[in-house]
Amino acid sequence: MVLCVLTGWLDRREREAVAYLIEENRYLQRQLGTRRLRLTDDDRRRLAARAYRLGRAALREIATIATPDTLLRWHRQLIARTWTYASRPGRRGILLEMRRLVVRMAEENPTWGYTRIQGARKNVGHRVGRSTIRRILKAAGLPPVPQRPTSWTTFLKAHWGVIAGADVFTTDVWTWRGLVTYYTVFVIDLASRRVDVLGSTPHPTELFMEHTVRMVTATDDGLLVRHRVMCDRARKWSAAVRRRFAGAGLRVVLTPARAPNATAYAERVVRSIKEECLDRMIPLGERRFRHPLTEFVEHYHRERNHQGLDNRLIADPPVVESPSRVRRRPRLGGLLNFYEPAA
């Protein structure tokens, strides 16, 4: 009898304590108003653990900080985090490197199918299935072999030594008539990176273009001997100009429309001329324009290192080991410089 009375008294005391805490939480929540209560991850875990023991029905009566669904969601996240194992260190890096190698092989070898790439991977100690290779290439946007295009880099290097590029760039020159735009025609041998400036004029007529072609094809040891010339589709390379090339035994290849990568080497020469020389000067007159251009071409061939040639010079000088003194050879007042061992 005493035990029953004591148990009832304790149960009533517990219910009153819970009711008091609920009422207190409501007053505190009313004080917060629209402000959100900031909880740490540890607070959420402890509330979620206790909410799971009470159940959804009891929570509807006493929960004030969060809704029952929120408390139970916290509990599910706690369980999911408990059963989530950390991945092995380095595994993600290995998978990423595997994908990169598959994509690289497909881009460098446009005729290789899934089985051929699988065999090439086996040669370097990697085993991967054809379906995995197909998924990797599909995710990278590379189609199967019949539809996979050959890159311009691969095409040009396959014809190294027999392809030259021709292009035209513009320069604004101050003259007594005001600002005049000069058009400069040049050709570049893609293999050796040698450049030949054919001429500059403010009026690039068809007659001028034919004259420049005649100059570059007049000799038997010129830059374009036994070459195919790649030109863009500008109107300056008219049918008459292309016939002049053909008459000298040179075939003209017109690049596709809106394909700047097809003339990337010629475009890089233009960028070098402008960034390293012409854009750093104000050409006052035709003479002050032609002289820097001539100086840059000389510097380009003899004194400028080229990344496409393993950072070498086009005209390689003898290598001197650890010179005691180094002297500077300036051009255009120090705008272009070359450093060489002092005699």
Protein backbone atom coordinates (compact mmCIF):
# COMPACT_ATOMS: atom_id res chain seq x y z
CA MET A 1 0.00 0.00 0.00
CA VAL A 2 2.80 2.39 0.97
CA LEU A 3 4.65 1.45 -2.24
CA CYS A 4 1.61 2.27 -4.41
CA VAL A 5 1.12 5.63 -2.67
CA LEU A 6 4.82 6.46 -3.09
CA THR A 7 4.78 5.46 -6.78
CA GLY A 8 1.69 7.57 -7.48
CA TRP A 9 3.21 10.55 -5.67
CA LEU A 10 6.44 10.31 -7.68
CA ASP A 11 4.51 9.96 -10.95
CA ARG A 12 2.42 13.03 -10.13
CA ARG A 13 5.55 14.99 -9.22
CA GLU A 14 7.16 13.99 -12.53
CA ARG A 15 4.08 15.05 -14.52
CA GLU A 16 4.00 18.39 -12.72
CA ALA A 17 7.70 18.94 -13.40
CA VAL A 18 7.21 18.13 -17.07
CA ALA A 19 4.20 20.47 -17.26
CA TYR A 20 6.24 23.23 -15.61
CA LEU A 21 9.13 22.76 -18.08
CA ILE A 22 6.72 22.79 -21.04
CA GLU A 23 5.16 26.03 -19.83
CA GLU A 24 8.59 27.53 -19.20
CA ASN A 25 9.73 26.59 -22.75
CA ARG A 26 6.63 28.28 -24.19
CA TYR A 27 7.42 31.50 -22.32
CA LEU A 28 11.03 31.37 -23.55
CA GLN A 29 9.89 30.72 -27.12
CA ARG A 30 7.50 33.66 -26.89
CA GLN A 31 10.45 35.85 -25.82
CA LEU A 32 12.47 34.72 -28.85
CA GLY A 33 9.65 35.76 -31.19
CA THR A 34 10.62 35.29 -34.83
CA ARG A 35 14.28 34.70 -34.04
CA ARG A 36 15.54 31.19 -34.60
CA LEU A 37 17.12 29.19 -31.81
CA ARG A 38 20.68 28.26 -32.68
CA LEU A 39 21.48 24.61 -31.96
CA THR A 40 24.77 22.81 -32.30
CA ASP A 41 25.11 19.35 -33.81
CA ASP A 42 25.58 17.91 -30.32
CA ASP A 43 22.32 19.59 -29.15
CA ARG A 44 20.44 18.10 -32.10
CA ARG A 45 21.82 14.62 -31.41
CA ARG A 46 20.76 14.67 -27.75
CA LEU A 47 17.28 15.98 -28.54
CA ALA A 48 16.86 13.46 -31.34
CA ALA A 49 17.84 10.55 -29.08
CA ARG A 50 15.29 11.54 -26.42
CA ALA A 51 12.60 12.31 -29.02
CA TYR A 52 12.92 8.80 -30.47
CA ARG A 53 12.20 7.24 -27.06
CA LEU A 54 9.06 9.34 -26.55
CA GLY A 55 7.45 8.72 -29.94
CA ARG A 56 5.51 11.00 -32.27
CA ALA A 57 2.27 11.15 -30.21
CA ALA A 58 3.97 12.36 -27.01
CA LEU A 59 6.11 14.81 -28.92
CA ARG A 60 3.05 16.58 -30.32
CA GLU A 61 2.08 17.55 -26.76
CA ILE A 62 5.44 18.62 -25.31
CA ALA A 63 7.77 19.61 -28.19
CA THR A 64 8.24 23.38 -28.41
CA ILE A 65 11.67 23.96 -29.94
CA ALA A 66 11.10 21.89 -33.05
CA THR A 67 8.29 19.93 -34.62
CA PRO A 68 8.08 16.15 -34.11
CA ASP A 69 8.98 15.55 -37.76
CA THR A 70 12.11 17.70 -37.38
CA LEU A 71 13.19 15.83 -34.25
CA LEU A 72 12.68 12.46 -35.91
CA ARG A 73 14.55 13.64 -39.01
CA TRP A 74 17.47 14.57 -36.79
CA HIS A 75 17.35 11.05 -35.37
CA ARG A 76 17.46 9.47 -38.86
CA GLN A 77 20.43 11.64 -39.80
CA LEU A 78 22.17 10.56 -36.60
CA ILE A 79 21.65 6.89 -37.48
CA ALA A 80 22.81 7.43 -41.07
CA ARG A 81 25.95 9.21 -39.89
CA THR A 82 26.70 6.39 -37.46
CA TRP A 83 26.65 3.78 -40.25
CA THR A 84 28.58 5.85 -42.81
CA TYR A 85 32.17 4.67 -43.10
CA ALA A 86 34.96 6.94 -44.27
CA SER A 87 36.32 6.05 -47.69
CA ARG A 88 39.81 4.72 -48.06
CA PRO A 89 42.41 7.48 -48.39
CA GLY A 90 43.54 8.02 -51.98
CA ARG A 91 40.79 5.99 -53.62
CA ARG A 92 39.03 9.05 -55.06
CA GLY A 93 42.31 10.30 -56.49
CA ILE A 94 42.94 6.96 -58.18
CA LEU A 95 39.50 6.94 -59.82
CA LEU A 96 39.94 10.53 -61.01
CA GLU A 97 43.33 9.73 -62.51
CA MET A 98 41.86 6.67 -64.22
CA ARG A 99 39.13 8.79 -65.86
CA ARG A 100 41.65 11.39 -66.99
CA LEU A 101 43.83 8.73 -68.60
CA VAL A 102 40.87 7.19 -70.47
CA VAL A 103 39.81 10.60 -71.80
CA ARG A 104 43.39 11.44 -72.74
CA MET A 105 43.83 8.21 -74.69
CA ALA A 106 40.56 8.81 -76.55
CA GLU A 107 41.46 12.40 -77.43
CA GLU A 108 44.99 11.57 -78.56
CA ASN A 109 43.85 8.52 -80.56
CA PRO A 110 40.54 9.28 -82.30
CA THR A 111 40.51 5.86 -84.04
CA TRP A 112 40.76 3.85 -80.82
CA GLY A 113 37.60 2.09 -79.69
CA TYR A 114 36.70 0.87 -76.22
CA THR A 115 38.55 -2.44 -76.62
CA ARG A 116 41.69 -0.74 -77.93
CA ILE A 117 41.71 1.67 -74.99
CA GLN A 118 41.13 -1.28 -72.65
CA GLY A 119 44.21 -2.99 -74.09
CA ALA A 120 46.31 0.15 -73.81
CA ARG A 121 45.29 0.49 -70.16
CA LYS A 122 46.31 -3.12 -69.60
CA ASN A 123 49.79 -2.31 -70.95
CA VAL A 124 50.33 0.19 -68.13
CA GLY A 125 48.98 -2.14 -65.44
CA HIS A 126 45.38 -0.91 -65.24
CA ARG A 127 42.40 -3.21 -65.69
CA VAL A 128 39.08 -1.62 -66.58
CA GLY A 129 35.97 -2.90 -68.36
CA ARG A 130 34.67 -1.73 -71.75
CA SER A 131 31.40 -0.56 -70.22
CA THR A 132 33.32 1.58 -67.73
CA ILE A 133 35.34 3.13 -70.54
CA ARG A 134 32.14 3.83 -72.48
CA ARG A 135 30.56 5.57 -69.46
CA ILE A 136 33.68 7.69 -68.86
CA LEU A 137 33.85 8.85 -72.48
CA LYS A 138 30.11 9.52 -72.61
CA ALA A 139 30.34 11.66 -69.46
CA ALA A 140 33.25 13.56 -71.04
CA GLY A 141 31.21 14.25 -74.19
CA LEU A 142 33.32 12.05 -76.48
CA PRO A 143 31.35 10.00 -79.03
CA PRO A 144 32.26 6.48 -80.24
CA VAL A 145 35.02 5.97 -82.81
CA PRO A 146 33.16 6.68 -86.10
CA GLN A 147 31.91 10.05 -84.85
CA ARG A 148 35.01 11.05 -82.87
CA PRO A 149 36.75 13.93 -84.70
CA THR A 150 40.48 14.38 -85.19
CA SER A 151 41.79 17.43 -83.32
CA TRP A 152 43.52 20.21 -85.22
CA THR A 153 46.66 19.68 -83.13
CA THR A 154 46.92 16.05 -84.24
CA PHE A 155 46.16 16.93 -87.87
CA LEU A 156 48.78 19.68 -88.04
CA LYS A 157 51.53 17.63 -86.36
CA ALA A 158 50.84 14.75 -88.76
CA HIS A 159 51.74 17.15 -91.61
CA TRP A 160 54.66 18.79 -89.78
CA GLY A 161 57.19 20.34 -92.15
CA VAL A 162 54.84 20.64 -95.16
CA ILE A 163 52.21 23.08 -93.80
CA ALA A 164 52.56 26.83 -93.45
CA GLY A 165 50.09 29.37 -92.17
CA ALA A 166 49.29 32.73 -93.76
CA ASP A 167 47.45 35.54 -92.07
CA VAL A 168 46.92 39.30 -91.95
CA PHE A 169 46.94 41.57 -88.89
CA THR A 170 46.16 45.27 -88.54
CA THR A 171 48.03 48.12 -86.85
CA ASP A 172 46.81 51.70 -86.37
CA VAL A 173 49.54 54.20 -87.36
CA TRP A 174 49.54 57.96 -86.83
CA THR A 175 50.32 59.83 -90.07
CA TRP A 176 49.94 63.41 -91.31
CA ARG A 177 46.49 62.33 -92.55
CA GLY A 178 45.48 61.13 -89.11
CA LEU A 179 45.08 57.55 -87.86
CA VAL A 180 45.60 55.04 -90.69
CA THR A 181 45.14 51.27 -90.45
CA TYR A 182 47.96 49.23 -91.98
CA TYR A 183 47.45 45.59 -93.02
CA THR A 184 50.49 43.31 -92.63
CA VAL A 185 50.69 39.98 -94.48
CA PHE A 186 52.95 37.22 -93.14
CA VAL A 187 53.52 33.47 -93.39
CA ILE A 188 54.80 31.03 -90.77
CA ASP A 189 56.28 27.55 -91.13
CA LEU A 190 54.53 25.55 -88.41
CA ALA A 191 57.38 23.11 -87.80
CA SER A 192 60.29 25.57 -87.50
CA ARG A 193 58.23 28.60 -86.38
CA ARG A 194 60.05 30.76 -88.94
CA VAL A 195 58.12 33.88 -89.96
CA ASP A 196 58.35 35.90 -93.17
CA VAL A 197 56.64 39.31 -93.27
CA LEU A 198 55.58 39.82 -96.89
CA GLY A 199 54.50 43.45 -96.71
CA SER A 200 52.32 46.14 -95.14
CA THR A 201 49.89 48.52 -96.78
CA PRO A 202 46.88 50.66 -95.86
CA HIS A 203 45.13 49.38 -99.00
CA PRO A 204 45.18 45.54 -99.14
CA THR A 205 43.92 45.29 -102.70
CA GLU A 206 43.95 42.13 -104.76
CA LEU A 207 46.93 43.48 -106.72
CA PHE A 208 48.93 43.96 -103.51
CA MET A 209 48.10 40.44 -102.30
CA GLU A 210 49.16 38.93 -105.64
CA HIS A 211 52.42 40.89 -105.43
CA THR A 212 53.22 39.54 -101.96
CA VAL A 213 52.51 35.99 -103.12
CA ARG A 214 54.82 36.52 -106.10
CA MET A 215 57.59 37.69 -103.76
CA VAL A 216 57.39 34.71 -101.43
CA THR A 217 57.20 32.13 -104.25
CA ALA A 218 59.82 33.68 -106.54
CA THR A 219 62.85 31.80 -105.17
CA ASP A 220 63.49 28.07 -105.06
CA ASP A 221 64.70 28.13 -101.44
CA GLY A 222 61.93 30.24 -99.92
CA LEU A 223 59.92 29.52 -96.82
CA LEU A 224 56.96 28.05 -98.69
CA VAL A 225 58.78 25.60 -100.96
CA ARG A 226 56.91 22.24 -101.01
CA HIS A 227 54.37 23.51 -98.50
CA ARG A 228 50.62 23.71 -98.26
CA VAL A 229 49.40 27.10 -97.12
CA MET A 230 46.52 27.39 -94.64
CA CYS A 231 44.47 30.60 -94.88
CA ASP A 232 41.25 31.74 -93.29
CA ARG A 233 38.20 32.70 -95.34
CA ALA A 234 38.84 36.46 -95.39
CA ARG A 235 38.14 38.21 -98.67
CA LYS A 236 41.81 39.17 -98.98
CA TRP A 237 42.60 35.57 -99.93
CA SER A 238 40.54 35.79 -103.11
CA ALA A 239 40.35 33.24 -105.90
CA ALA A 240 42.95 35.18 -107.91
CA VAL A 241 45.41 35.12 -104.98
CA ARG A 242 44.86 31.39 -104.49
CA ARG A 243 45.47 30.84 -108.21
CA ARG A 244 48.77 32.68 -107.83
CA PHE A 245 49.72 30.24 -105.08
CA ALA A 246 48.66 27.30 -107.25
CA GLY A 247 50.72 28.64 -110.17
CA ALA A 248 53.80 28.45 -107.95
CA GLY A 249 53.05 24.82 -107.06
CA LEU A 250 51.56 25.58 -103.64
CA ARG A 251 48.17 24.30 -102.58
CA VAL A 252 45.97 26.61 -100.49
CA VAL A 253 43.82 25.03 -97.77
CA LEU A 254 40.96 27.20 -96.51
CA THR A 255 40.18 26.66 -92.85
CA PRO A 256 36.58 26.03 -91.74
CA ALA A 257 34.45 29.02 -90.79
CA ARG A 258 34.69 30.04 -87.13
CA ALA A 259 37.56 27.65 -86.41
CA PRO A 260 40.28 29.74 -84.75
CA ASN A 261 42.21 26.63 -83.66
CA ALA A 262 42.97 25.88 -87.31
CA THR A 263 45.18 29.00 -87.50
CA ALA A 264 46.31 28.97 -83.87
CA TYR A 265 50.03 29.21 -84.68
CA ALA A 266 49.58 32.26 -86.90
CA GLU A 267 47.32 33.86 -84.30
CA ARG A 268 49.98 33.28 -81.64
CA VAL A 269 52.55 35.11 -83.76
CA VAL A 270 50.20 38.08 -84.05
CA ARG A 271 49.70 38.11 -80.29
CA SER A 272 53.46 38.03 -79.69
CA ILE A 273 54.12 40.88 -82.12
CA LYS A 274 51.46 43.07 -80.58
CA GLU A 275 51.92 42.30 -76.87
CA GLU A 276 55.72 42.36 -76.88
CA CYS A 277 56.30 45.19 -79.33
CA LEU A 278 53.63 47.13 -81.21
CA ASP A 279 51.19 47.61 -78.30
CA ARG A 280 54.04 49.14 -76.25
CA MET A 281 54.77 51.83 -78.83
CA ILE A 282 52.96 54.66 -80.58
CA PRO A 283 53.88 54.32 -84.29
CA LEU A 284 54.31 57.87 -85.61
CA GLY A 285 54.48 57.41 -89.35
CA GLU A 286 55.01 54.47 -91.63
CA ARG A 287 58.77 54.38 -91.03
CA ARG A 288 58.32 54.19 -87.24
CA PHE A 289 55.97 51.26 -87.83
CA ARG A 290 58.08 49.23 -90.25
CA HIS A 291 61.31 49.56 -88.26
CA PRO A 292 59.96 48.01 -85.01
CA LEU A 293 58.32 45.26 -87.06
CA THR A 294 61.64 44.40 -88.73
CA GLU A 295 63.45 44.48 -85.39
CA PHE A 296 60.91 42.18 -83.79
CA VAL A 297 61.13 39.60 -86.59
CA GLU A 298 64.92 39.56 -86.18
CA HIS A 299 64.52 39.18 -82.41
CA TYR A 300 61.86 36.49 -82.97
CA HIS A 301 64.23 34.35 -85.05
CA ARG A 302 67.52 34.81 -83.19
CA GLU A 303 66.85 35.93 -79.63
CA ARG A 304 63.43 34.75 -78.48
CA ASN A 305 62.85 31.39 -76.79
CA HIS A 306 59.83 29.46 -78.08
CA GLN A 307 57.80 27.16 -75.86
CA GLY A 308 56.71 25.13 -78.88
CA LEU A 309 60.40 24.31 -79.51
CA ASP A 310 61.12 23.15 -75.94
CA ASN A 311 62.00 26.73 -74.95
CA ARG A 312 64.82 26.90 -77.49
CA LEU A 313 65.80 29.55 -80.00
CA ILE A 314 64.95 29.09 -83.67
CA ALA A 315 68.60 29.76 -84.53
CA ASP A 316 70.35 27.91 -81.71
CA PRO A 317 73.58 29.58 -80.49
CA PRO A 318 76.41 27.51 -78.98
CA VAL A 319 75.79 26.63 -75.34
CA VAL A 320 78.28 28.05 -72.84
CA GLU A 321 78.42 26.39 -69.44
CA SER A 322 78.25 28.79 -66.45
CA PRO A 323 79.59 31.99 -68.03
CA SER A 324 81.40 34.33 -65.68
CA ARG A 325 79.85 37.43 -67.23
CA VAL A 326 76.54 38.00 -69.00
CA ARG A 327 75.76 40.96 -71.21
CA ARG A 328 72.49 42.33 -72.51
CA ARG A 329 71.80 42.97 -76.18
CA PRO A 330 68.87 45.45 -76.34
CA ARG A 331 66.60 46.28 -79.27
CA LEU A 332 64.25 49.23 -79.64
CA GLY A 333 65.75 51.02 -76.67
CA GLY A 334 65.46 47.99 -74.36
CA LEU A 335 61.91 47.02 -75.29
CA LEU A 336 63.31 43.69 -76.53
CA ASN A 337 66.32 42.13 -74.81
CA PHE A 338 68.61 39.16 -75.30
CA TYR A 339 71.15 37.94 -72.75
CA GLU A 340 74.30 36.15 -73.85
CA PRO A 341 77.73 35.28 -72.41
CA ALA A 342 80.14 38.17 -72.53
CA ALA A 343 83.21 37.66 -74.72
